[in-house]
Amino acid sequence: GCINDRPLPSGRPTYSSQIACCRGAYAGQTSGTCLSQLPSAPTMSPTETGGLDVYYADYATSWAVAGCINTRPFPGGRPTYSS
């Protein structure tokens, strides 16, 4: 992986950040070890953020006050609507 220890070995490339080092020195590393050592390591299947592109009925709320929502995760098995 990439380190930031002193003294700096001569003749080796330097990078502005740990992620830049991983991308430059370990690009294509199939194990992902270098990237996994980052404080906030990226994943191969990032969690999506924000609402869904569809709406579905909020069955968890009383029918009298419920509406349609687009929050994650989608519970599945429900009809969806575009708006």
N, C-alpha and C. Protein backbone atom coordinates (compact mmCIF):
# COMPACT_ATOMS: atom_id res chain seq x y z
N GLY A 1 0.81 -1.18 0.00
CA GLY A 1 0.00 0.00 0.00
C GLY A 1 0.86 1.25 0.00
N CYS A 2 0.22 2.36 0.12
CA CYS A 2 0.88 3.66 0.11
C CYS A 2 1.10 4.13 1.55
N ILE A 3 2.27 4.68 1.79
CA ILE A 3 2.62 5.14 3.13
C ILE A 3 3.10 6.58 3.09
N ASN A 4 3.14 7.20 4.25
CA ASN A 4 3.59 8.58 4.37
C ASN A 4 4.63 8.67 5.48
N ASP A 5 5.59 7.75 5.48
CA ASP A 5 6.62 7.69 6.51
C ASP A 5 7.86 8.47 6.11
N ARG A 6 8.58 8.91 7.09
CA ARG A 6 9.85 9.59 6.87
C ARG A 6 10.98 8.68 7.33
N PRO A 7 12.12 8.72 6.77
CA PRO A 7 12.51 9.57 5.65
C PRO A 7 11.96 9.04 4.33
N LEU A 8 11.74 9.95 3.41
CA LEU A 8 11.23 9.61 2.09
C LEU A 8 12.32 8.90 1.30
N PRO A 9 12.04 7.70 0.80
CA PRO A 9 13.05 7.00 -0.01
C PRO A 9 13.33 7.77 -1.29
N SER A 10 14.57 7.90 -1.66
CA SER A 10 14.90 8.65 -2.88
C SER A 10 14.60 7.79 -4.11
N GLY A 11 14.28 8.48 -5.19
CA GLY A 11 14.05 7.81 -6.46
C GLY A 11 12.65 7.22 -6.63
N ARG A 12 11.77 7.45 -5.68
CA ARG A 12 10.41 6.93 -5.81
C ARG A 12 9.44 8.06 -6.11
N PRO A 13 8.41 7.79 -6.90
CA PRO A 13 7.43 8.84 -7.18
C PRO A 13 6.67 9.23 -5.90
N THR A 14 6.24 10.47 -5.84
CA THR A 14 5.42 10.94 -4.72
C THR A 14 4.06 11.35 -5.26
N TYR A 15 3.07 11.35 -4.39
CA TYR A 15 1.69 11.66 -4.77
C TYR A 15 1.11 12.65 -3.77
N SER A 16 0.11 13.39 -4.20
CA SER A 16 -0.49 14.43 -3.37
C SER A 16 -1.41 13.87 -2.29
N SER A 17 -1.87 12.64 -2.46
CA SER A 17 -2.77 12.04 -1.47
C SER A 17 -2.62 10.51 -1.53
N GLN A 18 -3.18 9.86 -0.52
CA GLN A 18 -3.12 8.41 -0.49
C GLN A 18 -3.91 7.79 -1.64
N ILE A 19 -5.06 8.37 -1.96
CA ILE A 19 -5.84 7.82 -3.07
C ILE A 19 -5.13 8.04 -4.41
N ALA A 20 -4.45 9.17 -4.55
CA ALA A 20 -3.67 9.41 -5.77
C ALA A 20 -2.55 8.39 -5.89
N CYS A 21 -1.95 8.03 -4.77
CA CYS A 21 -0.89 7.01 -4.77
C CYS A 21 -1.46 5.66 -5.21
N CYS A 22 -2.59 5.27 -4.62
CA CYS A 22 -3.20 3.99 -4.99
C CYS A 22 -3.53 3.95 -6.47
N ARG A 23 -4.09 5.04 -6.97
CA ARG A 23 -4.46 5.09 -8.39
C ARG A 23 -3.24 5.09 -9.29
N GLY A 24 -2.15 5.73 -8.84
CA GLY A 24 -0.95 5.80 -9.67
C GLY A 24 -0.06 4.58 -9.57
N ALA A 25 0.22 4.14 -8.35
CA ALA A 25 1.17 3.05 -8.14
C ALA A 25 0.53 1.67 -8.20
N TYR A 26 -0.76 1.60 -7.88
CA TYR A 26 -1.41 0.29 -7.82
C TYR A 26 -2.65 0.21 -8.71
N ALA A 27 -2.68 1.00 -9.77
CA ALA A 27 -3.81 0.97 -10.71
C ALA A 27 -4.00 -0.45 -11.23
N GLY A 28 -5.22 -0.90 -11.25
CA GLY A 28 -5.51 -2.24 -11.75
C GLY A 28 -5.28 -3.35 -10.75
N GLN A 29 -4.94 -3.01 -9.51
CA GLN A 29 -4.72 -4.03 -8.48
C GLN A 29 -6.03 -4.77 -8.23
N THR A 30 -6.09 -6.04 -8.57
CA THR A 30 -7.34 -6.78 -8.47
C THR A 30 -7.76 -7.07 -7.03
N SER A 31 -6.84 -7.13 -6.11
CA SER A 31 -7.19 -7.42 -4.72
C SER A 31 -7.84 -6.22 -4.04
N GLY A 32 -7.55 -5.00 -4.54
CA GLY A 32 -8.09 -3.79 -3.93
C GLY A 32 -7.47 -3.46 -2.58
N THR A 33 -6.35 -4.07 -2.24
CA THR A 33 -5.73 -3.87 -0.93
C THR A 33 -5.36 -2.42 -0.68
N CYS A 34 -4.74 -1.76 -1.65
CA CYS A 34 -4.32 -0.38 -1.44
C CYS A 34 -5.53 0.51 -1.15
N LEU A 35 -6.58 0.41 -1.96
CA LEU A 35 -7.77 1.22 -1.75
C LEU A 35 -8.46 0.88 -0.44
N SER A 36 -8.40 -0.38 -0.02
CA SER A 36 -9.07 -0.77 1.23
C SER A 36 -8.39 -0.17 2.45
N GLN A 37 -7.16 0.31 2.31
CA GLN A 37 -6.42 0.91 3.42
C GLN A 37 -6.72 2.40 3.59
N LEU A 38 -7.53 2.97 2.70
CA LEU A 38 -7.90 4.38 2.83
C LEU A 38 -8.82 4.57 4.03
N PRO A 39 -8.76 5.73 4.68
CA PRO A 39 -9.64 5.98 5.83
C PRO A 39 -11.12 5.84 5.48
N SER A 40 -11.53 6.28 4.32
CA SER A 40 -12.91 6.12 3.83
C SER A 40 -12.83 5.39 2.50
N ALA A 41 -12.56 4.11 2.58
CA ALA A 41 -12.31 3.32 1.38
C ALA A 41 -13.53 3.21 0.50
N PRO A 42 -13.35 3.39 -0.84
CA PRO A 42 -14.45 3.16 -1.77
C PRO A 42 -14.76 1.67 -1.83
N THR A 43 -15.95 1.33 -2.26
CA THR A 43 -16.34 -0.07 -2.38
C THR A 43 -16.65 -0.40 -3.82
N MET A 44 -16.72 -1.67 -4.11
CA MET A 44 -17.06 -2.12 -5.47
C MET A 44 -18.55 -1.95 -5.72
N SER A 45 -19.36 -1.85 -4.65
CA SER A 45 -20.80 -1.64 -4.81
C SER A 45 -21.24 -0.52 -3.86
N PRO A 46 -20.98 0.71 -4.26
CA PRO A 46 -21.31 1.84 -3.38
C PRO A 46 -22.80 1.91 -3.06
N THR A 47 -23.09 2.41 -1.89
CA THR A 47 -24.47 2.61 -1.49
C THR A 47 -25.02 3.84 -2.20
N GLU A 48 -26.14 3.69 -2.83
CA GLU A 48 -26.73 4.82 -3.52
C GLU A 48 -27.35 5.76 -2.51
N THR A 49 -27.39 7.04 -2.84
CA THR A 49 -27.97 8.03 -1.96
C THR A 49 -29.13 8.72 -2.66
N GLY A 50 -29.91 9.43 -1.88
CA GLY A 50 -31.05 10.14 -2.45
C GLY A 50 -32.23 9.22 -2.65
N GLY A 51 -33.31 9.78 -3.13
CA GLY A 51 -34.53 9.01 -3.34
C GLY A 51 -34.47 8.17 -4.59
N LEU A 52 -35.38 7.23 -4.66
CA LEU A 52 -35.50 6.38 -5.84
C LEU A 52 -36.08 7.18 -7.00
N ASP A 53 -36.00 6.64 -8.18
CA ASP A 53 -36.59 7.28 -9.37
C ASP A 53 -38.07 6.96 -9.49
N VAL A 54 -38.61 6.15 -8.58
CA VAL A 54 -40.02 5.79 -8.58
C VAL A 54 -40.60 5.99 -7.18
N TYR A 55 -41.91 6.04 -7.11
CA TYR A 55 -42.62 6.17 -5.84
C TYR A 55 -43.41 4.89 -5.59
N TYR A 56 -43.66 4.59 -4.31
CA TYR A 56 -44.45 3.42 -3.93
C TYR A 56 -45.26 3.76 -2.69
N ALA A 57 -46.32 2.99 -2.45
CA ALA A 57 -47.20 3.24 -1.31
C ALA A 57 -46.47 2.96 0.00
N ASP A 58 -46.68 3.84 0.97
CA ASP A 58 -46.07 3.71 2.30
C ASP A 58 -46.98 2.85 3.17
N TYR A 59 -46.80 1.53 3.08
CA TYR A 59 -47.65 0.60 3.83
C TYR A 59 -47.35 0.62 5.33
N ALA A 60 -46.22 1.18 5.74
CA ALA A 60 -45.84 1.19 7.16
C ALA A 60 -46.58 2.26 7.94
N THR A 61 -47.21 3.20 7.26
CA THR A 61 -47.93 4.29 7.91
C THR A 61 -49.43 4.04 7.79
N SER A 62 -50.17 4.45 8.80
CA SER A 62 -51.63 4.30 8.79
C SER A 62 -52.22 4.84 7.49
N TRP A 63 -53.15 4.09 6.89
CA TRP A 63 -53.74 4.44 5.60
C TRP A 63 -54.31 5.86 5.60
N ALA A 64 -54.89 6.29 6.70
CA ALA A 64 -55.53 7.61 6.78
C ALA A 64 -54.55 8.76 6.59
N VAL A 65 -53.28 8.55 6.89
CA VAL A 65 -52.29 9.63 6.80
C VAL A 65 -51.12 9.28 5.88
N ALA A 66 -51.14 8.10 5.29
CA ALA A 66 -50.02 7.66 4.43
C ALA A 66 -50.08 8.30 3.06
N GLY A 67 -49.00 8.16 2.34
CA GLY A 67 -48.91 8.65 0.98
C GLY A 67 -47.91 7.81 0.22
N CYS A 68 -47.46 8.32 -0.88
CA CYS A 68 -46.44 7.62 -1.66
C CYS A 68 -45.08 8.21 -1.32
N ILE A 69 -44.07 7.35 -1.25
CA ILE A 69 -42.71 7.75 -0.89
C ILE A 69 -41.73 7.19 -1.90
N ASN A 70 -40.52 7.73 -1.88
CA ASN A 70 -39.47 7.20 -2.77
C ASN A 70 -38.18 6.96 -2.00
N THR A 71 -38.29 6.58 -0.74
CA THR A 71 -37.11 6.37 0.09
C THR A 71 -36.50 4.99 -0.13
N ARG A 72 -35.22 4.90 0.16
CA ARG A 72 -34.49 3.63 0.08
C ARG A 72 -34.53 2.95 1.43
N PRO A 73 -34.43 1.67 1.50
CA PRO A 73 -34.45 0.72 0.38
C PRO A 73 -35.87 0.45 -0.07
N PHE A 74 -36.03 0.13 -1.35
CA PHE A 74 -37.33 -0.22 -1.89
C PHE A 74 -37.71 -1.60 -1.35
N PRO A 75 -38.87 -1.74 -0.73
CA PRO A 75 -39.22 -3.02 -0.12
C PRO A 75 -39.56 -4.14 -1.11
N GLY A 76 -39.80 -3.82 -2.35
CA GLY A 76 -40.11 -4.83 -3.35
C GLY A 76 -41.53 -5.35 -3.23
N GLY A 77 -42.04 -5.93 -4.28
CA GLY A 77 -43.36 -6.52 -4.27
C GLY A 77 -44.50 -5.51 -4.26
N ARG A 78 -44.22 -4.28 -4.59
CA ARG A 78 -45.25 -3.22 -4.60
C ARG A 78 -45.27 -2.55 -5.96
N PRO A 79 -46.45 -2.07 -6.36
CA PRO A 79 -46.49 -1.29 -7.60
C PRO A 79 -45.70 0.01 -7.44
N THR A 80 -45.11 0.47 -8.50
CA THR A 80 -44.37 1.74 -8.46
C THR A 80 -44.99 2.71 -9.43
N TYR A 81 -44.74 4.00 -9.16
CA TYR A 81 -45.32 5.08 -9.95
C TYR A 81 -44.23 6.10 -10.27
N SER A 82 -44.32 6.71 -11.43
CA SER A 82 -43.27 7.65 -11.86
C SER A 82 -43.36 9.01 -11.17
N SER A 83 -44.50 9.35 -10.61
CA SER A 83 -44.64 10.63 -9.92
C SER A 83 -45.70 10.54 -8.84
